[in-house]
N, C-alpha and C. Protein backbone atom coordinates (compact mmCIF):
# COMPACT_ATOMS: atom_id res chain seq x y z
N MET A 1 23.32 -71.23 -1.83
CA MET A 1 23.76 -72.15 -2.92
C MET A 1 24.62 -71.29 -3.92
N SER A 2 25.68 -71.80 -4.33
CA SER A 2 26.47 -71.04 -5.26
C SER A 2 25.84 -70.99 -6.60
N ARG A 3 26.29 -70.02 -7.42
CA ARG A 3 25.68 -69.92 -8.77
C ARG A 3 25.83 -71.19 -9.60
N ASP A 4 26.98 -71.81 -9.50
CA ASP A 4 27.29 -73.05 -10.29
C ASP A 4 26.27 -74.16 -9.86
N LEU A 5 26.05 -74.29 -8.56
CA LEU A 5 25.16 -75.34 -8.03
C LEU A 5 23.70 -75.01 -8.47
N SER A 6 23.33 -73.75 -8.43
CA SER A 6 22.00 -73.33 -8.82
C SER A 6 21.79 -73.58 -10.33
N GLU A 7 22.76 -73.30 -11.11
CA GLU A 7 22.69 -73.55 -12.56
C GLU A 7 22.56 -75.02 -12.87
N ARG A 8 23.35 -75.84 -12.11
CA ARG A 8 23.30 -77.26 -12.28
C ARG A 8 21.91 -77.81 -11.85
N ALA A 9 21.36 -77.36 -10.77
CA ALA A 9 20.02 -77.80 -10.32
C ALA A 9 18.98 -77.41 -11.37
N GLU A 10 19.06 -76.29 -12.00
CA GLU A 10 18.17 -75.89 -13.05
C GLU A 10 18.36 -76.77 -14.27
N LEU A 11 19.63 -77.08 -14.63
CA LEU A 11 19.88 -77.91 -15.81
C LEU A 11 19.36 -79.27 -15.56
N LEU A 12 19.58 -79.88 -14.37
CA LEU A 12 19.07 -81.20 -14.01
C LEU A 12 17.53 -81.17 -14.08
N ALA A 13 16.92 -80.14 -13.53
CA ALA A 13 15.45 -80.06 -13.61
C ALA A 13 14.95 -80.02 -15.01
N ALA A 14 15.59 -79.19 -15.81
CA ALA A 14 15.17 -79.09 -17.27
C ALA A 14 15.30 -80.43 -17.96
N ASN A 15 16.45 -81.17 -17.68
CA ASN A 15 16.60 -82.48 -18.31
C ASN A 15 15.53 -83.48 -17.88
N LEU A 16 15.18 -83.45 -16.60
CA LEU A 16 14.13 -84.35 -16.15
C LEU A 16 12.82 -83.97 -16.86
N GLN A 17 12.52 -82.73 -16.98
CA GLN A 17 11.32 -82.34 -17.64
C GLN A 17 11.26 -82.72 -19.16
N LEU A 18 12.41 -82.54 -19.77
CA LEU A 18 12.58 -82.95 -21.15
C LEU A 18 12.35 -84.46 -21.32
N GLY A 19 12.86 -85.21 -20.35
CA GLY A 19 12.74 -86.66 -20.37
C GLY A 19 11.25 -87.05 -20.28
N ARG A 20 10.51 -86.39 -19.46
CA ARG A 20 9.08 -86.64 -19.30
C ARG A 20 8.36 -86.29 -20.68
N GLU A 21 8.77 -85.17 -21.25
CA GLU A 21 8.13 -84.80 -22.55
C GLU A 21 8.48 -85.81 -23.63
N LEU A 22 9.75 -86.19 -23.66
CA LEU A 22 10.16 -87.22 -24.64
C LEU A 22 9.38 -88.50 -24.51
N SER A 23 9.24 -88.92 -23.28
CA SER A 23 8.49 -90.12 -22.96
C SER A 23 7.04 -90.00 -23.43
N ALA A 24 6.37 -88.93 -23.09
CA ALA A 24 5.00 -88.71 -23.60
C ALA A 24 4.84 -88.65 -25.05
N ARG A 25 5.76 -87.99 -25.73
CA ARG A 25 5.70 -87.90 -27.22
C ARG A 25 6.03 -89.23 -27.86
N THR A 26 6.87 -90.06 -27.25
CA THR A 26 7.20 -91.32 -27.76
C THR A 26 5.97 -92.23 -27.62
N LEU A 27 5.38 -92.19 -26.52
CA LEU A 27 4.15 -92.95 -26.24
C LEU A 27 3.09 -92.59 -27.17
N MET A 28 2.82 -91.30 -27.46
CA MET A 28 1.77 -90.96 -28.38
C MET A 28 2.09 -91.31 -29.78
N PHE A 29 3.32 -91.21 -30.16
CA PHE A 29 3.74 -91.63 -31.49
C PHE A 29 3.38 -93.14 -31.77
N HIS A 30 3.82 -93.94 -30.74
CA HIS A 30 3.52 -95.39 -30.92
C HIS A 30 2.05 -95.70 -30.86
N ALA A 31 1.33 -94.93 -30.10
CA ALA A 31 -0.16 -95.11 -30.04
C ALA A 31 -0.74 -94.75 -31.41
N ALA A 32 -0.23 -93.75 -32.11
CA ALA A 32 -0.75 -93.43 -33.46
C ALA A 32 -0.41 -94.48 -34.42
N ILE A 33 0.84 -95.04 -34.33
CA ILE A 33 1.25 -96.15 -35.23
C ILE A 33 0.33 -97.31 -35.02
N ALA A 34 0.10 -97.69 -33.72
CA ALA A 34 -0.75 -98.80 -33.41
C ALA A 34 -2.13 -98.62 -33.99
N GLN A 35 -2.70 -97.44 -33.78
CA GLN A 35 -4.06 -97.18 -34.26
C GLN A 35 -4.14 -97.30 -35.76
N ARG A 36 -3.11 -96.92 -36.50
CA ARG A 36 -3.13 -97.00 -37.97
C ARG A 36 -3.27 -98.48 -38.42
N VAL A 37 -2.75 -99.47 -37.70
CA VAL A 37 -2.76 -100.85 -38.07
C VAL A 37 -3.78 -101.62 -37.27
N GLY A 38 -4.59 -100.95 -36.47
CA GLY A 38 -5.69 -101.57 -35.76
C GLY A 38 -5.27 -102.31 -34.52
N LEU A 39 -4.26 -101.80 -33.89
CA LEU A 39 -3.77 -102.45 -32.59
C LEU A 39 -3.86 -101.43 -31.47
N SER A 40 -3.80 -101.90 -30.25
CA SER A 40 -3.64 -101.04 -29.13
C SER A 40 -2.16 -100.71 -28.98
N ALA A 41 -1.83 -99.77 -28.27
CA ALA A 41 -0.36 -99.42 -28.04
C ALA A 41 0.37 -100.58 -27.33
N THR A 42 -0.37 -101.26 -26.42
CA THR A 42 0.25 -102.46 -25.70
C THR A 42 0.49 -103.56 -26.72
N GLU A 43 -0.44 -103.88 -27.55
CA GLU A 43 -0.30 -104.86 -28.55
C GLU A 43 0.84 -104.54 -29.55
N HIS A 44 0.90 -103.29 -29.94
CA HIS A 44 1.94 -102.86 -30.87
C HIS A 44 3.36 -103.03 -30.17
N LYS A 45 3.44 -102.64 -28.91
CA LYS A 45 4.83 -102.75 -28.33
C LYS A 45 5.16 -104.21 -28.02
N ALA A 46 4.16 -105.08 -27.67
CA ALA A 46 4.37 -106.52 -27.49
C ALA A 46 4.87 -107.15 -28.76
N LEU A 47 4.31 -106.69 -29.87
CA LEU A 47 4.61 -107.16 -31.22
C LEU A 47 6.11 -106.72 -31.51
N ASP A 48 6.46 -105.51 -31.12
CA ASP A 48 7.77 -105.03 -31.25
C ASP A 48 8.81 -105.91 -30.50
N ILE A 49 8.43 -106.24 -29.29
CA ILE A 49 9.32 -107.17 -28.49
C ILE A 49 9.45 -108.50 -29.21
N LEU A 50 8.39 -109.02 -29.64
CA LEU A 50 8.40 -110.23 -30.48
C LEU A 50 9.30 -110.18 -31.66
N SER A 51 9.19 -109.11 -32.38
CA SER A 51 9.92 -108.94 -33.65
C SER A 51 11.41 -108.91 -33.39
N ARG A 52 11.82 -108.35 -32.24
CA ARG A 52 13.28 -108.30 -31.92
C ARG A 52 13.77 -109.63 -31.27
N ALA A 53 12.89 -110.22 -30.46
CA ALA A 53 13.31 -111.39 -29.69
C ALA A 53 13.15 -112.72 -30.49
N GLY A 54 12.21 -112.72 -31.45
CA GLY A 54 11.95 -113.97 -32.16
C GLY A 54 10.86 -114.69 -31.41
N ALA A 55 10.62 -115.87 -31.82
CA ALA A 55 9.55 -116.69 -31.20
C ALA A 55 9.77 -116.87 -29.68
N LEU A 56 8.65 -116.63 -29.00
CA LEU A 56 8.70 -116.76 -27.55
C LEU A 56 7.42 -117.54 -27.06
N THR A 57 7.54 -118.10 -25.87
CA THR A 57 6.31 -118.75 -25.30
C THR A 57 5.51 -117.57 -24.69
N ALA A 58 4.21 -117.84 -24.43
CA ALA A 58 3.36 -116.81 -23.82
C ALA A 58 3.89 -116.38 -22.45
N GLY A 59 4.45 -117.32 -21.72
CA GLY A 59 5.08 -116.99 -20.44
C GLY A 59 6.27 -116.02 -20.57
N GLN A 60 7.12 -116.32 -21.55
CA GLN A 60 8.28 -115.50 -21.74
C GLN A 60 7.83 -114.10 -22.18
N LEU A 61 6.77 -113.94 -23.10
CA LEU A 61 6.34 -112.67 -23.47
C LEU A 61 5.66 -111.98 -22.26
N ALA A 62 5.00 -112.63 -21.41
CA ALA A 62 4.39 -112.08 -20.14
C ALA A 62 5.50 -111.51 -19.36
N GLU A 63 6.62 -112.23 -19.18
CA GLU A 63 7.72 -111.79 -18.41
C GLU A 63 8.35 -110.53 -18.95
N LEU A 64 8.55 -110.54 -20.25
CA LEU A 64 9.21 -109.38 -20.93
C LEU A 64 8.30 -108.16 -20.92
N THR A 65 7.03 -108.28 -20.96
CA THR A 65 6.14 -107.17 -21.01
C THR A 65 5.62 -106.69 -19.64
N GLY A 66 5.72 -107.66 -18.69
CA GLY A 66 5.21 -107.34 -17.33
C GLY A 66 3.70 -107.57 -17.23
N LEU A 67 3.05 -108.11 -18.34
CA LEU A 67 1.62 -108.38 -18.30
C LEU A 67 1.39 -109.71 -17.70
N THR A 68 0.16 -109.93 -17.16
CA THR A 68 -0.20 -111.23 -16.62
C THR A 68 -0.33 -112.23 -17.74
N THR A 69 -0.20 -113.54 -17.39
CA THR A 69 -0.37 -114.60 -18.51
C THR A 69 -1.78 -114.52 -19.08
N GLY A 70 -2.76 -114.22 -18.22
CA GLY A 70 -4.15 -114.04 -18.74
C GLY A 70 -4.26 -112.90 -19.77
N ALA A 71 -3.70 -111.79 -19.47
CA ALA A 71 -3.65 -110.64 -20.36
C ALA A 71 -2.90 -110.98 -21.65
N ILE A 72 -1.80 -111.68 -21.47
CA ILE A 72 -1.04 -112.10 -22.72
C ILE A 72 -1.80 -113.01 -23.63
N THR A 73 -2.55 -113.95 -23.01
CA THR A 73 -3.42 -114.83 -23.83
C THR A 73 -4.29 -114.05 -24.69
N GLY A 74 -5.02 -113.05 -24.18
CA GLY A 74 -5.98 -112.26 -24.92
C GLY A 74 -5.14 -111.42 -26.02
N LEU A 75 -4.03 -110.89 -25.60
CA LEU A 75 -3.20 -110.12 -26.55
C LEU A 75 -2.76 -110.95 -27.73
N ILE A 76 -2.34 -112.15 -27.43
CA ILE A 76 -1.89 -113.13 -28.51
C ILE A 76 -3.03 -113.43 -29.42
N ASP A 77 -4.21 -113.64 -28.78
CA ASP A 77 -5.43 -113.96 -29.56
C ASP A 77 -5.72 -112.89 -30.57
N ARG A 78 -5.64 -111.58 -30.10
CA ARG A 78 -5.88 -110.44 -30.95
C ARG A 78 -4.80 -110.29 -32.05
N LEU A 79 -3.61 -110.47 -31.72
CA LEU A 79 -2.51 -110.40 -32.69
C LEU A 79 -2.62 -111.50 -33.72
N GLU A 80 -3.00 -112.68 -33.31
CA GLU A 80 -3.19 -113.79 -34.19
C GLU A 80 -4.39 -113.53 -35.16
N LYS A 81 -5.45 -113.00 -34.61
CA LYS A 81 -6.60 -112.67 -35.41
C LYS A 81 -6.39 -111.72 -36.49
N VAL A 82 -5.54 -110.73 -36.26
CA VAL A 82 -5.27 -109.71 -37.33
C VAL A 82 -3.99 -110.13 -38.14
N GLY A 83 -3.47 -111.34 -37.85
CA GLY A 83 -2.41 -111.87 -38.79
C GLY A 83 -0.97 -111.40 -38.49
N PHE A 84 -0.70 -110.92 -37.28
CA PHE A 84 0.71 -110.45 -37.00
C PHE A 84 1.53 -111.59 -36.33
N VAL A 85 0.86 -112.57 -35.78
CA VAL A 85 1.57 -113.67 -35.10
C VAL A 85 0.89 -114.95 -35.37
N ARG A 86 1.60 -116.06 -35.19
CA ARG A 86 1.00 -117.42 -35.37
C ARG A 86 1.53 -118.23 -34.21
N ARG A 87 0.64 -119.08 -33.61
CA ARG A 87 1.00 -120.00 -32.61
C ARG A 87 1.59 -121.26 -33.33
N GLU A 88 2.78 -121.68 -32.80
CA GLU A 88 3.30 -122.91 -33.42
C GLU A 88 3.88 -123.82 -32.37
N LYS A 89 3.91 -125.04 -32.58
CA LYS A 89 4.55 -126.06 -31.60
C LYS A 89 6.05 -125.74 -31.49
N ASP A 90 6.56 -125.69 -30.29
CA ASP A 90 8.01 -125.58 -30.13
C ASP A 90 8.72 -126.74 -30.73
N PRO A 91 9.64 -126.49 -31.69
CA PRO A 91 10.35 -127.60 -32.30
C PRO A 91 11.20 -128.43 -31.34
N ASN A 92 11.61 -127.79 -30.21
CA ASN A 92 12.41 -128.46 -29.22
C ASN A 92 11.59 -129.22 -28.12
N ASP A 93 10.36 -128.77 -28.01
CA ASP A 93 9.52 -129.42 -26.95
C ASP A 93 8.06 -129.33 -27.48
N ARG A 94 7.58 -130.35 -28.05
CA ARG A 94 6.21 -130.34 -28.70
C ARG A 94 5.09 -130.08 -27.71
N ARG A 95 5.38 -130.10 -26.36
CA ARG A 95 4.34 -129.78 -25.40
C ARG A 95 4.14 -128.27 -25.31
N LYS A 96 5.16 -127.47 -25.76
CA LYS A 96 5.10 -126.02 -25.61
C LYS A 96 4.57 -125.40 -26.95
N VAL A 97 3.98 -124.25 -26.82
CA VAL A 97 3.60 -123.43 -27.94
C VAL A 97 4.41 -122.17 -27.95
N VAL A 98 4.92 -121.78 -29.10
CA VAL A 98 5.63 -120.52 -29.18
C VAL A 98 4.83 -119.58 -30.07
N ILE A 99 5.03 -118.29 -29.84
CA ILE A 99 4.32 -117.19 -30.62
C ILE A 99 5.29 -116.77 -31.60
N GLN A 100 5.09 -116.99 -32.88
CA GLN A 100 5.95 -116.66 -33.93
C GLN A 100 5.51 -115.36 -34.63
N PRO A 101 6.35 -114.28 -34.58
CA PRO A 101 5.91 -113.04 -35.23
C PRO A 101 6.03 -113.24 -36.71
N LEU A 102 5.07 -112.66 -37.42
CA LEU A 102 5.02 -112.73 -38.94
C LEU A 102 5.71 -111.50 -39.44
N ILE A 103 7.01 -111.57 -39.56
CA ILE A 103 7.84 -110.48 -39.96
C ILE A 103 7.47 -109.87 -41.29
N GLU A 104 7.15 -110.67 -42.27
CA GLU A 104 6.79 -110.12 -43.64
C GLU A 104 5.59 -109.12 -43.54
N LYS A 105 4.59 -109.57 -42.77
CA LYS A 105 3.39 -108.71 -42.59
C LYS A 105 3.76 -107.45 -41.87
N MET A 106 4.60 -107.55 -40.80
CA MET A 106 5.03 -106.34 -40.11
C MET A 106 5.82 -105.38 -41.06
N GLU A 107 6.71 -105.92 -41.81
CA GLU A 107 7.52 -105.13 -42.73
C GLU A 107 6.62 -104.43 -43.76
N ARG A 108 5.53 -105.14 -44.18
CA ARG A 108 4.71 -104.63 -45.21
C ARG A 108 3.74 -103.53 -44.67
N GLU A 109 3.21 -103.80 -43.45
CA GLU A 109 2.21 -102.90 -42.91
C GLU A 109 2.64 -101.94 -41.85
N ILE A 110 3.65 -102.22 -41.08
CA ILE A 110 4.06 -101.36 -39.93
C ILE A 110 5.30 -100.56 -40.30
N ALA A 111 6.26 -101.25 -40.88
CA ALA A 111 7.57 -100.62 -41.13
C ALA A 111 7.45 -99.24 -41.96
N PRO A 112 6.65 -99.26 -43.01
CA PRO A 112 6.50 -98.01 -43.73
C PRO A 112 6.05 -96.84 -42.92
N LEU A 113 5.32 -97.07 -41.83
CA LEU A 113 4.88 -95.98 -41.00
C LEU A 113 6.00 -95.34 -40.24
N PHE A 114 7.09 -96.05 -40.10
CA PHE A 114 8.27 -95.52 -39.41
C PHE A 114 9.31 -94.82 -40.34
N ALA A 115 9.05 -94.88 -41.64
CA ALA A 115 10.06 -94.36 -42.57
C ALA A 115 10.44 -92.92 -42.38
N SER A 116 9.46 -92.08 -42.27
CA SER A 116 9.73 -90.62 -42.08
C SER A 116 10.46 -90.40 -40.79
N MET A 117 9.98 -90.97 -39.69
CA MET A 117 10.60 -90.82 -38.40
C MET A 117 12.07 -91.29 -38.44
N SER A 118 12.34 -92.42 -39.05
CA SER A 118 13.69 -92.99 -39.18
C SER A 118 14.58 -91.99 -39.93
N GLN A 119 14.04 -91.47 -41.00
CA GLN A 119 14.87 -90.46 -41.77
C GLN A 119 15.20 -89.21 -40.97
N GLN A 120 14.17 -88.73 -40.28
CA GLN A 120 14.30 -87.52 -39.42
C GLN A 120 15.28 -87.74 -38.27
N MET A 121 15.20 -88.94 -37.66
CA MET A 121 16.14 -89.22 -36.59
C MET A 121 17.60 -89.38 -37.06
N GLU A 122 17.76 -89.98 -38.24
CA GLU A 122 19.10 -90.08 -38.81
C GLU A 122 19.66 -88.73 -39.12
N LYS A 123 18.81 -87.89 -39.65
CA LYS A 123 19.24 -86.45 -39.89
C LYS A 123 19.64 -85.76 -38.61
N LEU A 124 18.80 -85.93 -37.55
CA LEU A 124 19.10 -85.34 -36.25
C LEU A 124 20.40 -85.82 -35.74
N LEU A 125 20.53 -87.15 -35.68
CA LEU A 125 21.79 -87.74 -35.13
C LEU A 125 23.02 -87.37 -35.90
N SER A 126 22.96 -87.18 -37.19
CA SER A 126 24.11 -86.84 -38.05
C SER A 126 24.72 -85.53 -37.58
N ARG A 127 23.98 -84.64 -36.82
CA ARG A 127 24.52 -83.34 -36.36
C ARG A 127 25.49 -83.50 -35.20
N TYR A 128 25.58 -84.69 -34.61
CA TYR A 128 26.45 -84.93 -33.45
C TYR A 128 27.73 -85.62 -33.78
N SER A 129 28.78 -85.26 -33.07
CA SER A 129 30.14 -85.88 -33.22
C SER A 129 30.00 -87.37 -32.79
N ASP A 130 31.10 -88.12 -33.08
CA ASP A 130 31.16 -89.46 -32.62
C ASP A 130 31.16 -89.45 -31.06
N GLN A 131 31.96 -88.55 -30.48
CA GLN A 131 31.95 -88.47 -28.98
C GLN A 131 30.62 -88.19 -28.42
N GLU A 132 29.95 -87.27 -28.99
CA GLU A 132 28.57 -86.93 -28.55
C GLU A 132 27.61 -88.09 -28.70
N LEU A 133 27.73 -88.81 -29.92
CA LEU A 133 26.87 -89.94 -30.08
C LEU A 133 27.12 -91.05 -29.00
N ALA A 134 28.44 -91.25 -28.71
CA ALA A 134 28.80 -92.24 -27.64
C ALA A 134 28.12 -91.81 -26.31
N LEU A 135 28.12 -90.53 -25.98
CA LEU A 135 27.55 -90.05 -24.73
C LEU A 135 26.03 -90.26 -24.80
N ILE A 136 25.39 -89.95 -25.96
CA ILE A 136 23.97 -90.19 -26.07
C ILE A 136 23.62 -91.69 -25.90
N ASN A 137 24.48 -92.58 -26.52
CA ASN A 137 24.26 -94.00 -26.41
C ASN A 137 24.35 -94.45 -24.97
N ASP A 138 25.35 -93.92 -24.26
CA ASP A 138 25.47 -94.25 -22.85
C ASP A 138 24.32 -93.84 -22.07
N PHE A 139 23.84 -92.66 -22.23
CA PHE A 139 22.68 -92.16 -21.55
C PHE A 139 21.45 -92.95 -21.83
N VAL A 140 21.17 -93.26 -23.08
CA VAL A 140 19.99 -94.05 -23.40
C VAL A 140 20.08 -95.39 -22.87
N SER A 141 21.24 -96.04 -22.99
CA SER A 141 21.43 -97.47 -22.48
C SER A 141 21.17 -97.45 -20.96
N ARG A 142 21.79 -96.53 -20.31
CA ARG A 142 21.54 -96.53 -18.83
C ARG A 142 20.03 -96.20 -18.47
N SER A 143 19.45 -95.38 -19.28
CA SER A 143 18.03 -95.07 -19.05
C SER A 143 17.19 -96.35 -19.26
N ILE A 144 17.48 -97.09 -20.27
CA ILE A 144 16.73 -98.33 -20.52
C ILE A 144 16.85 -99.29 -19.31
N THR A 145 18.11 -99.45 -18.83
CA THR A 145 18.35 -100.33 -17.68
C THR A 145 17.62 -99.80 -16.40
N LEU A 146 17.61 -98.52 -16.20
CA LEU A 146 16.89 -97.91 -15.09
C LEU A 146 15.44 -98.15 -15.22
N LEU A 147 14.89 -97.97 -16.47
CA LEU A 147 13.44 -98.19 -16.68
C LEU A 147 13.00 -99.60 -16.40
N GLN A 148 13.90 -100.60 -16.88
CA GLN A 148 13.65 -102.03 -16.74
C GLN A 148 13.57 -102.37 -15.18
N GLU A 149 14.53 -101.79 -14.45
CA GLU A 149 14.63 -102.01 -13.00
C GLU A 149 13.42 -101.47 -12.28
N GLU A 150 13.06 -100.22 -12.65
CA GLU A 150 11.95 -99.58 -12.00
C GLU A 150 10.56 -100.31 -12.28
N THR A 151 10.46 -100.71 -13.53
CA THR A 151 9.24 -101.43 -13.98
C THR A 151 9.09 -102.77 -13.20
N THR A 152 10.21 -103.52 -13.12
CA THR A 152 10.24 -104.73 -12.36
C THR A 152 9.80 -104.50 -10.89
N GLN A 153 10.39 -103.38 -10.31
CA GLN A 153 10.06 -103.05 -8.88
C GLN A 153 8.55 -102.77 -8.84
N LEU A 154 8.05 -101.99 -9.78
CA LEU A 154 6.53 -101.64 -9.68
C LEU A 154 5.71 -102.87 -9.86
N GLN A 155 6.15 -103.85 -10.59
CA GLN A 155 5.40 -105.10 -10.78
C GLN A 155 5.65 -106.18 -9.81
N GLY A 156 6.48 -105.84 -8.86
CA GLY A 156 6.80 -106.87 -7.87
C GLY A 156 5.72 -107.38 -6.96
N VAL A 157 6.03 -108.32 -6.15
CA VAL A 157 5.03 -108.99 -5.28
C VAL A 157 4.43 -108.02 -4.26
N ASP A 158 5.16 -106.91 -3.96
CA ASP A 158 4.60 -105.96 -3.02
C ASP A 158 3.55 -105.14 -3.62
N ASN A 159 3.32 -105.27 -4.95
CA ASN A 159 2.27 -104.48 -5.63
C ASN A 159 0.94 -105.07 -5.20
N PRO A 160 0.06 -104.27 -4.56
CA PRO A 160 -1.24 -104.78 -4.08
C PRO A 160 -2.16 -105.16 -5.26
N ARG A 161 -1.88 -104.66 -6.47
CA ARG A 161 -2.79 -104.99 -7.59
C ARG A 161 -2.41 -106.38 -8.15
N THR A 162 -1.19 -106.89 -7.85
CA THR A 162 -0.77 -108.20 -8.33
C THR A 162 -0.79 -109.28 -7.30
N SER A 163 -1.07 -108.82 -5.99
CA SER A 163 -1.06 -109.81 -4.88
C SER A 163 -2.39 -110.37 -4.59
C-alpha cells in the first residue's frame, strides 16, 4: 500500500473513531439533561422531536422515534404526567388525538440547561470559514440521512424482536 493510501486509511479510521466518541458524548449529554428534568433519555429525545415537529398523533410519534405504539402510549403518559405535553382532539378530525408539546414549560425548564453548550458550540463554529462550515453542514446532513436509513433498516420487519 502506498504511503498516501496508508495515511488515508489511518485518517478514515480516526474519523470513524471520533464519530463513535462524538455519538457517545452526545448521548451522555442528553441523558444528563433528561435526568435534570426527571425524564429518561428516550422521553427527552421524543419531546425534542415533538418540539420541532409540533403536534403529532401517537402513531406519527411512534413512526418518527421507531418505538412501538405501546411504548409510545406509556411515554406520552409520562410526559403528560410531568406537564411537558397535553393530549388534545385533532381540530381537523375529532376522532383523532394529537400530542401537543407545551413549549413554554420546555423553554422554562429545559432550554436553560442548553445555554452553556449553545454558547460553546457557537464559539467553536466561529473558528471555521464559510467554506468549512458548508462542508461541516454537508457532512452532518448526510450523516443524519445515513442514520435515519440505518435505523429504519434495523427496525424493519426482518428484525426478530419486532416480528
